[in-house]
Amino acid sequence: MPHFSSYDGTRLSYRVIGDDPTDGDRPPLVCLAGGPARDAAYIGDLGGLSAYRRLIVPDARGTGES
């Protein structure tokens, strides 16, 4: 799973869902999962939205693979 380092060195993971749109007019969406201590995987592909936009779904600190 891709990850990046926070300002304090904490490793934070994220998921990339869907393909890059071919027309280039649709930038990716960053989708933040709601609810305390929930793994972001529960939002899935947001009801098929990933067919039209690339989704970037980060795991909050202490959830998922972060």
PDB file of N, CA and C in Angstrom:
ATOM      1  N   MET A   1       0.854  -1.168   0.000  1.00  0.00           N
ATOM      2  CA  MET A   1       0.000   0.000   0.000  1.00  0.00           C
ATOM      3  C   MET A   1       0.903   1.236   0.000  1.00  0.00           C
ATOM      4  N   PRO A   2       0.583   2.232  -0.820  1.00  0.00           N
ATOM      5  CA  PRO A   2       1.404   3.446  -0.826  1.00  0.00           C
ATOM      6  C   PRO A   2       1.307   4.180   0.512  1.00  0.00           C
ATOM      7  N   HIS A   3       2.331   4.941   0.809  1.00  0.00           N
ATOM      8  CA  HIS A   3       2.336   5.692   2.060  1.00  0.00           C
ATOM      9  C   HIS A   3       3.179   6.955   1.900  1.00  0.00           C
ATOM     10  N   PHE A   4       3.065   7.834   2.860  1.00  0.00           N
ATOM     11  CA  PHE A   4       3.916   9.019   2.940  1.00  0.00           C
ATOM     12  C   PHE A   4       4.213   9.257   4.416  1.00  0.00           C
ATOM     13  N   SER A   5       5.199  10.084   4.677  1.00  0.00           N
ATOM     14  CA  SER A   5       5.560  10.397   6.057  1.00  0.00           C
ATOM     15  C   SER A   5       4.999  11.752   6.440  1.00  0.00           C
ATOM     16  N   SER A   6       4.387  11.800   7.597  1.00  0.00           N
ATOM     17  CA  SER A   6       3.844  13.037   8.139  1.00  0.00           C
ATOM     18  C   SER A   6       4.992  13.927   8.622  1.00  0.00           C
ATOM     19  N   TYR A   7       4.672  15.129   9.029  1.00  0.00           N
ATOM     20  CA  TYR A   7       5.677  16.073   9.508  1.00  0.00           C
ATOM     21  C   TYR A   7       6.492  15.531  10.675  1.00  0.00           C
ATOM     22  N   ASP A   8       5.881  14.622  11.452  1.00  0.00           N
ATOM     23  CA  ASP A   8       6.582  14.080  12.608  1.00  0.00           C
ATOM     24  C   ASP A   8       7.173  12.697  12.349  1.00  0.00           C
ATOM     25  N   GLY A   9       7.171  12.276  11.092  1.00  0.00           N
ATOM     26  CA  GLY A   9       7.754  10.997  10.720  1.00  0.00           C
ATOM     27  C   GLY A   9       6.805   9.817  10.772  1.00  0.00           C
ATOM     28  N   THR A  10       5.563  10.036  11.181  1.00  0.00           N
ATOM     29  CA  THR A  10       4.574   8.956  11.233  1.00  0.00           C
ATOM     30  C   THR A  10       4.238   8.500   9.822  1.00  0.00           C
ATOM     31  N   ARG A  11       4.240   7.198   9.612  1.00  0.00           N
ATOM     32  CA  ARG A  11       3.908   6.627   8.303  1.00  0.00           C
ATOM     33  C   ARG A  11       2.387   6.590   8.146  1.00  0.00           C
ATOM     34  N   LEU A  12       1.876   7.244   7.126  1.00  0.00           N
ATOM     35  CA  LEU A  12       0.441   7.271   6.838  1.00  0.00           C
ATOM     36  C   LEU A  12       0.198   6.632   5.482  1.00  0.00           C
ATOM     37  N   SER A  13      -0.733   5.690   5.440  1.00  0.00           N
ATOM     38  CA  SER A  13      -1.028   4.950   4.211  1.00  0.00           C
ATOM     39  C   SER A  13      -2.272   5.501   3.529  1.00  0.00           C
ATOM     40  N   TYR A  14      -2.395   5.209   2.253  1.00  0.00           N
ATOM     41  CA  TYR A  14      -3.571   5.609   1.495  1.00  0.00           C
ATOM     42  C   TYR A  14      -3.827   4.609   0.374  1.00  0.00           C
ATOM     43  N   ARG A  15      -5.043   4.597  -0.118  1.00  0.00           N
ATOM     44  CA  ARG A  15      -5.440   3.740  -1.229  1.00  0.00           C
ATOM     45  C   ARG A  15      -5.710   4.612  -2.448  1.00  0.00           C
ATOM     46  N   VAL A  16      -5.378   4.104  -3.610  1.00  0.00           N
ATOM     47  CA  VAL A  16      -5.733   4.752  -4.869  1.00  0.00           C
ATOM     48  C   VAL A  16      -6.725   3.819  -5.545  1.00  0.00           C
ATOM     49  N   ILE A  17      -7.949   4.317  -5.769  1.00  0.00           N
ATOM     50  CA  ILE A  17      -9.018   3.491  -6.331  1.00  0.00           C
ATOM     51  C   ILE A  17      -9.449   4.096  -7.656  1.00  0.00           C
ATOM     52  N   GLY A  18      -9.515   3.270  -8.682  1.00  0.00           N
ATOM     53  CA  GLY A  18      -9.940   3.725 -10.001  1.00  0.00           C
ATOM     54  C   GLY A  18      -8.761   4.110 -10.870  1.00  0.00           C
ATOM     55  N   ASP A  19      -9.046   4.214 -12.156  1.00  0.00           N
ATOM     56  CA  ASP A  19      -8.020   4.571 -13.137  1.00  0.00           C
ATOM     57  C   ASP A  19      -8.030   6.060 -13.394  1.00  0.00           C
ATOM     58  N   ASP A  20      -6.940   6.546 -13.969  1.00  0.00           N
ATOM     59  CA  ASP A  20      -6.867   7.944 -14.363  1.00  0.00           C
ATOM     60  C   ASP A  20      -7.835   8.160 -15.523  1.00  0.00           C
ATOM     61  N   PRO A  21      -8.704   9.163 -15.450  1.00  0.00           N
ATOM     62  CA  PRO A  21      -9.625   9.411 -16.566  1.00  0.00           C
ATOM     63  C   PRO A  21      -8.849   9.749 -17.835  1.00  0.00           C
ATOM     64  N   THR A  22      -9.356   9.327 -18.968  1.00  0.00           N
ATOM     65  CA  THR A  22      -8.648   9.526 -20.229  1.00  0.00           C
ATOM     66  C   THR A  22      -8.746  10.956 -20.745  1.00  0.00           C
ATOM     67  N   ASP A  23      -9.762  11.712 -20.333  1.00  0.00           N
ATOM     68  CA  ASP A  23      -9.912  13.058 -20.875  1.00  0.00           C
ATOM     69  C   ASP A  23      -9.065  14.097 -20.136  1.00  0.00           C
ATOM     70  N   GLY A  24      -8.529  13.779 -18.957  1.00  0.00           N
ATOM     71  CA  GLY A  24      -7.666  14.692 -18.236  1.00  0.00           C
ATOM     72  C   GLY A  24      -8.382  15.859 -17.575  1.00  0.00           C
ATOM     73  N   ASP A  25      -9.687  15.972 -17.727  1.00  0.00           N
ATOM     74  CA  ASP A  25     -10.436  17.080 -17.134  1.00  0.00           C
ATOM     75  C   ASP A  25     -10.938  16.773 -15.734  1.00  0.00           C
ATOM     76  N   ARG A  26     -10.705  15.590 -15.261  1.00  0.00           N
ATOM     77  CA  ARG A  26     -11.229  15.184 -13.953  1.00  0.00           C
ATOM     78  C   ARG A  26     -10.079  14.887 -13.003  1.00  0.00           C
ATOM     79  N   PRO A  27      -9.704  15.842 -12.175  1.00  0.00           N
ATOM     80  CA  PRO A  27      -8.619  15.573 -11.221  1.00  0.00           C
ATOM     81  C   PRO A  27      -9.071  14.550 -10.178  1.00  0.00           C
ATOM     82  N   PRO A  28      -8.123  13.900  -9.521  1.00  0.00           N
ATOM     83  CA  PRO A  28      -8.497  12.927  -8.490  1.00  0.00           C
ATOM     84  C   PRO A  28      -9.194  13.603  -7.317  1.00  0.00           C
ATOM     85  N   LEU A  29      -9.999  12.818  -6.609  1.00  0.00           N
ATOM     86  CA  LEU A  29     -10.686  13.292  -5.410  1.00  0.00           C
ATOM     87  C   LEU A  29     -10.029  12.674  -4.183  1.00  0.00           C
ATOM     88  N   VAL A  30      -9.761  13.479  -3.179  1.00  0.00           N
ATOM     89  CA  VAL A  30      -9.287  12.969  -1.896  1.00  0.00           C
ATOM     90  C   VAL A  30     -10.523  12.762  -1.035  1.00  0.00           C
ATOM     91  N   CYS A  31     -10.756  11.527  -0.629  1.00  0.00           N
ATOM     92  CA  CYS A  31     -11.972  11.163   0.114  1.00  0.00           C
ATOM     93  C   CYS A  31     -11.590  10.796   1.542  1.00  0.00           C
ATOM     94  N   LEU A  32     -12.067  11.582   2.497  1.00  0.00           N
ATOM     95  CA  LEU A  32     -11.770  11.342   3.900  1.00  0.00           C
ATOM     96  C   LEU A  32     -12.899  10.542   4.539  1.00  0.00           C
ATOM     97  N   ALA A  33     -12.537   9.415   5.119  1.00  0.00           N
ATOM     98  CA  ALA A  33     -13.534   8.569   5.774  1.00  0.00           C
ATOM     99  C   ALA A  33     -13.962   9.212   7.083  1.00  0.00           C
ATOM    100  N   GLY A  34     -15.236   9.137   7.385  1.00  0.00           N
ATOM    101  CA  GLY A  34     -15.740   9.720   8.630  1.00  0.00           C
ATOM    102  C   GLY A  34     -15.850   8.687   9.729  1.00  0.00           C
ATOM    103  N   GLY A  35     -16.082   9.169  10.912  1.00  0.00           N
ATOM    104  CA  GLY A  35     -16.245   8.268  12.051  1.00  0.00           C
ATOM    105  C   GLY A  35     -14.941   8.020  12.757  1.00  0.00           C
ATOM    106  N   PRO A  36     -14.974   7.924  14.057  1.00  0.00           N
ATOM    107  CA  PRO A  36     -13.751   7.702  14.819  1.00  0.00           C
ATOM    108  C   PRO A  36     -13.232   6.277  14.681  1.00  0.00           C
ATOM    109  N   ALA A  37     -11.936   6.171  14.473  1.00  0.00           N
ATOM    110  CA  ALA A  37     -11.232   4.875  14.453  1.00  0.00           C
ATOM    111  C   ALA A  37     -11.790   3.888  13.440  1.00  0.00           C
ATOM    112  N   ARG A  38     -12.273   4.387  12.310  1.00  0.00           N
ATOM    113  CA  ARG A  38     -12.763   3.496  11.257  1.00  0.00           C
ATOM    114  C   ARG A  38     -11.723   3.384  10.156  1.00  0.00           C
ATOM    115  N   ASP A  39     -11.465   2.171   9.716  1.00  0.00           N
ATOM    116  CA  ASP A  39     -10.594   1.937   8.578  1.00  0.00           C
ATOM    117  C   ASP A  39     -11.287   2.499   7.334  1.00  0.00           C
ATOM    118  N   ALA A  40     -10.579   3.229   6.520  1.00  0.00           N
ATOM    119  CA  ALA A  40     -11.172   3.877   5.350  1.00  0.00           C
ATOM    120  C   ALA A  40     -11.673   2.894   4.292  1.00  0.00           C
ATOM    121  N   ALA A  41     -11.327   1.619   4.413  1.00  0.00           N
ATOM    122  CA  ALA A  41     -11.761   0.630   3.428  1.00  0.00           C
ATOM    123  C   ALA A  41     -13.280   0.508   3.366  1.00  0.00           C
ATOM    124  N   TYR A  42     -13.976   0.884   4.431  1.00  0.00           N
ATOM    125  CA  TYR A  42     -15.429   0.712   4.444  1.00  0.00           C
ATOM    126  C   TYR A  42     -16.142   1.569   3.402  1.00  0.00           C
ATOM    127  N   ILE A  43     -15.506   2.634   2.905  1.00  0.00           N
ATOM    128  CA  ILE A  43     -16.197   3.467   1.911  1.00  0.00           C
ATOM    129  C   ILE A  43     -16.135   2.867   0.508  1.00  0.00           C
ATOM    130  N   GLY A  44     -15.324   1.837   0.320  1.00  0.00           N
ATOM    131  CA  GLY A  44     -15.258   1.149  -0.970  1.00  0.00           C
ATOM    132  C   GLY A  44     -14.936   2.083  -2.117  1.00  0.00           C
ATOM    133  N   ASP A  45     -15.688   1.976  -3.203  1.00  0.00           N
ATOM    134  CA  ASP A  45     -15.447   2.848  -4.361  1.00  0.00           C
ATOM    135  C   ASP A  45     -16.489   3.960  -4.447  1.00  0.00           C
ATOM    136  N   LEU A  46     -17.121   4.237  -3.317  1.00  0.00           N
ATOM    137  CA  LEU A  46     -18.137   5.296  -3.209  1.00  0.00           C
ATOM    138  C   LEU A  46     -19.255   5.125  -4.230  1.00  0.00           C
ATOM    139  N   GLY A  47     -19.811   3.931  -4.236  1.00  0.00           N
ATOM    140  CA  GLY A  47     -20.972   3.653  -5.087  1.00  0.00           C
ATOM    141  C   GLY A  47     -20.693   3.744  -6.572  1.00  0.00           C
ATOM    142  N   GLY A  48     -19.480   3.422  -6.993  1.00  0.00           N
ATOM    143  CA  GLY A  48     -19.149   3.432  -8.409  1.00  0.00           C
ATOM    144  C   GLY A  48     -18.489   4.715  -8.899  1.00  0.00           C
ATOM    145  N   LEU A  49     -18.253   5.668  -8.018  1.00  0.00           N
ATOM    146  CA  LEU A  49     -17.630   6.928  -8.411  1.00  0.00           C
ATOM    147  C   LEU A  49     -16.240   6.717  -9.005  1.00  0.00           C
ATOM    148  N   SER A  50     -15.575   5.652  -8.584  1.00  0.00           N
ATOM    149  CA  SER A  50     -14.223   5.401  -9.092  1.00  0.00           C
ATOM    150  C   SER A  50     -14.202   5.081 -10.585  1.00  0.00           C
ATOM    151  N   ALA A  51     -15.351   4.816 -11.172  1.00  0.00           N
ATOM    152  CA  ALA A  51     -15.410   4.602 -12.623  1.00  0.00           C
ATOM    153  C   ALA A  51     -15.245   5.919 -13.375  1.00  0.00           C
ATOM    154  N   TYR A  52     -15.456   7.034 -12.688  1.00  0.00           N
ATOM    155  CA  TYR A  52     -15.407   8.356 -13.329  1.00  0.00           C
ATOM    156  C   TYR A  52     -14.269   9.227 -12.825  1.00  0.00           C
ATOM    157  N   ARG A  53     -13.811   8.963 -11.610  1.00  0.00           N
ATOM    158  CA  ARG A  53     -12.740   9.758 -10.999  1.00  0.00           C
ATOM    159  C   ARG A  53     -11.799   8.837 -10.250  1.00  0.00           C
ATOM    160  N   ARG A  54     -10.529   9.173 -10.223  1.00  0.00           N
ATOM    161  CA  ARG A  54      -9.584   8.447  -9.383  1.00  0.00           C
ATOM    162  C   ARG A  54      -9.795   8.934  -7.953  1.00  0.00           C
ATOM    163  N   LEU A  55      -9.858   8.005  -7.007  1.00  0.00           N
ATOM    164  CA  LEU A  55     -10.094   8.334  -5.604  1.00  0.00           C
ATOM    165  C   LEU A  55      -8.827   8.082  -4.798  1.00  0.00           C
ATOM    166  N   ILE A  56      -8.449   9.035  -3.981  1.00  0.00           N
ATOM    167  CA  ILE A  56      -7.338   8.885  -3.057  1.00  0.00           C
ATOM    168  C   ILE A  56      -7.956   8.821  -1.664  1.00  0.00           C
ATOM    169  N   VAL A  57      -7.777   7.678  -0.984  1.00  0.00           N
ATOM    170  CA  VAL A  57      -8.437   7.448   0.301  1.00  0.00           C
ATOM    171  C   VAL A  57      -7.382   7.179   1.364  1.00  0.00           C
ATOM    172  N   PRO A  58      -7.048   8.195   2.177  1.00  0.00           N
ATOM    173  CA  PRO A  58      -6.044   7.984   3.214  1.00  0.00           C
ATOM    174  C   PRO A  58      -6.617   7.258   4.439  1.00  0.00           C
ATOM    175  N   ASP A  59      -5.769   6.467   5.083  1.00  0.00           N
ATOM    176  CA  ASP A  59      -6.112   5.864   6.381  1.00  0.00           C
ATOM    177  C   ASP A  59      -5.677   6.860   7.451  1.00  0.00           C
ATOM    178  N   ALA A  60      -6.599   7.266   8.311  1.00  0.00           N
ATOM    179  CA  ALA A  60      -6.253   8.189   9.395  1.00  0.00           C
ATOM    180  C   ALA A  60      -5.280   7.535  10.362  1.00  0.00           C
ATOM    181  N   ARG A  61      -4.607   8.324  11.133  1.00  0.00           N
ATOM    182  CA  ARG A  61      -3.659   7.794  12.128  1.00  0.00           C
ATOM    183  C   ARG A  61      -4.337   6.746  13.020  1.00  0.00           C
ATOM    184  N   GLY A  62      -3.678   5.631  13.179  1.00  0.00           N
ATOM    185  CA  GLY A  62      -4.184   4.584  14.053  1.00  0.00           C
ATOM    186  C   GLY A  62      -5.255   3.712  13.451  1.00  0.00           C
ATOM    187  N   THR A  63      -5.565   3.887  12.169  1.00  0.00           N
ATOM    188  CA  THR A  63      -6.562   3.050  11.497  1.00  0.00           C
ATOM    189  C   THR A  63      -5.945   2.429  10.249  1.00  0.00           C
ATOM    190  N   GLY A  64      -6.545   1.359   9.773  1.00  0.00           N
ATOM    191  CA  GLY A  64      -6.049   0.713   8.560  1.00  0.00           C
ATOM    192  C   GLY A  64      -4.590   0.383   8.683  1.00  0.00           C
ATOM    193  N   GLU A  65      -3.796   0.810   7.695  1.00  0.00           N
ATOM    194  CA  GLU A  65      -2.364   0.540   7.714  1.00  0.00           C
ATOM    195  C   GLU A  65      -1.549   1.755   8.149  1.00  0.00           C
ATOM    196  N   SER A  66      -2.195   2.761   8.686  1.00  0.00           N
ATOM    197  CA  SER A  66      -1.461   3.929   9.200  1.00  0.00           C
ATOM    198  C   SER A  66      -1.138   3.752  10.667  1.00  0.00           C
TER     199      SER A  66
END
